[in-house]
Amino acid sequence: MSALDVYVAMMQWTPGRAWFSEHRPKITGAVDKTGQHPVVASVWNRNFKNDRAT
């Protein structure tokens, strides 16, 4: 995982996960994989648990 993976994963909030799923399905897959990393999942769950779309 790289900083680019985390950056792209953060883009799920803008323009939104639905947009990415429709227009960039390969990026959505990368977002899902990045979000499953234990460190990233811990940070997201702690800070964005109400905003996570996954």
C-alpha atoms as a PDB file:
ATOM      1  CA  MET A   1       0.000   0.000   0.000  1.00  0.00           C
ATOM      2  CA  SER A   2       1.240   3.455  -0.866  1.00  0.00           C
ATOM      3  CA  ALA A   3       0.312   7.015   0.007  1.00  0.00           C
ATOM      4  CA  LEU A   4      -1.468   7.134  -3.354  1.00  0.00           C
ATOM      5  CA  ASP A   5      -3.728   4.242  -2.291  1.00  0.00           C
ATOM      6  CA  VAL A   6      -4.735   6.106   0.853  1.00  0.00           C
ATOM      7  CA  TYR A   7      -5.241   9.361  -1.065  1.00  0.00           C
ATOM      8  CA  VAL A   8      -7.509   7.708  -3.618  1.00  0.00           C
ATOM      9  CA  ALA A   9      -9.393   5.914  -0.852  1.00  0.00           C
ATOM     10  CA  MET A  10     -10.122   9.248   0.820  1.00  0.00           C
ATOM     11  CA  MET A  11     -11.758  10.412  -2.410  1.00  0.00           C
ATOM     12  CA  GLN A  12     -14.761   8.214  -1.604  1.00  0.00           C
ATOM     13  CA  TRP A  13     -16.245  11.222   0.183  1.00  0.00           C
ATOM     14  CA  THR A  14     -15.883  13.595  -2.780  1.00  0.00           C
ATOM     15  CA  PRO A  15     -17.218  13.125  -5.439  1.00  0.00           C
ATOM     16  CA  GLY A  16     -18.749  10.226  -3.565  1.00  0.00           C
ATOM     17  CA  ARG A  17     -18.665   6.480  -3.450  1.00  0.00           C
ATOM     18  CA  ALA A  18     -21.672   6.033  -5.763  1.00  0.00           C
ATOM     19  CA  TRP A  19     -19.950   8.105  -8.453  1.00  0.00           C
ATOM     20  CA  PHE A  20     -16.761   6.065  -8.159  1.00  0.00           C
ATOM     21  CA  SER A  21     -18.700   2.792  -8.279  1.00  0.00           C
ATOM     22  CA  GLU A  22     -20.434   3.849 -11.481  1.00  0.00           C
ATOM     23  CA  HIS A  23     -17.607   5.634 -13.292  1.00  0.00           C
ATOM     24  CA  ARG A  24     -14.419   4.129 -11.870  1.00  0.00           C
ATOM     25  CA  PRO A  25     -15.101   0.546 -10.758  1.00  0.00           C
ATOM     26  CA  LYS A  26     -11.391  -0.365 -10.693  1.00  0.00           C
ATOM     27  CA  ILE A  27     -10.692   2.510  -8.306  1.00  0.00           C
ATOM     28  CA  THR A  28     -13.594   1.359  -6.130  1.00  0.00           C
ATOM     29  CA  GLY A  29     -11.904  -2.024  -5.840  1.00  0.00           C
ATOM     30  CA  ALA A  30      -8.658  -0.354  -4.767  1.00  0.00           C
ATOM     31  CA  VAL A  31     -10.560   1.734  -2.208  1.00  0.00           C
ATOM     32  CA  ASP A  32     -12.142  -1.401  -0.775  1.00  0.00           C
ATOM     33  CA  LYS A  33      -8.781  -3.153  -0.535  1.00  0.00           C
ATOM     34  CA  THR A  34      -7.115  -0.135   1.100  1.00  0.00           C
ATOM     35  CA  GLY A  35      -9.991   0.184   3.566  1.00  0.00           C
ATOM     36  CA  GLN A  36      -9.471  -3.424   4.641  1.00  0.00           C
ATOM     37  CA  HIS A  37      -5.878  -2.796   5.734  1.00  0.00           C
ATOM     38  CA  PRO A  38      -5.852  -3.042   9.547  1.00  0.00           C
ATOM     39  CA  VAL A  39      -4.173   0.329  10.093  1.00  0.00           C
ATOM     40  CA  VAL A  40      -6.398   2.198   7.639  1.00  0.00           C
ATOM     41  CA  ALA A  41      -9.551   0.465   8.897  1.00  0.00           C
ATOM     42  CA  SER A  42      -8.680   1.412  12.472  1.00  0.00           C
ATOM     43  CA  VAL A  43      -8.174   5.085  11.590  1.00  0.00           C
ATOM     44  CA  TRP A  44     -11.336   5.242   9.461  1.00  0.00           C
ATOM     45  CA  ASN A  45     -13.452   3.500  12.071  1.00  0.00           C
ATOM     46  CA  ARG A  46     -12.177   5.792  14.803  1.00  0.00           C
ATOM     47  CA  ASN A  47     -12.576   9.033  12.851  1.00  0.00           C
ATOM     48  CA  PHE A  48     -15.192   8.443  10.181  1.00  0.00           C
ATOM     49  CA  LYS A  49     -17.393   5.611  11.434  1.00  0.00           C
ATOM     50  CA  ASN A  50     -20.610   7.506  10.609  1.00  0.00           C
ATOM     51  CA  ASP A  51     -19.341   8.559   7.180  1.00  0.00           C
ATOM     52  CA  ARG A  52     -17.896   5.310   5.855  1.00  0.00           C
ATOM     53  CA  ALA A  53     -19.694   3.884   2.889  1.00  0.00           C
ATOM     54  CA  THR A  54     -18.072   0.470   3.100  1.00  0.00           C
END
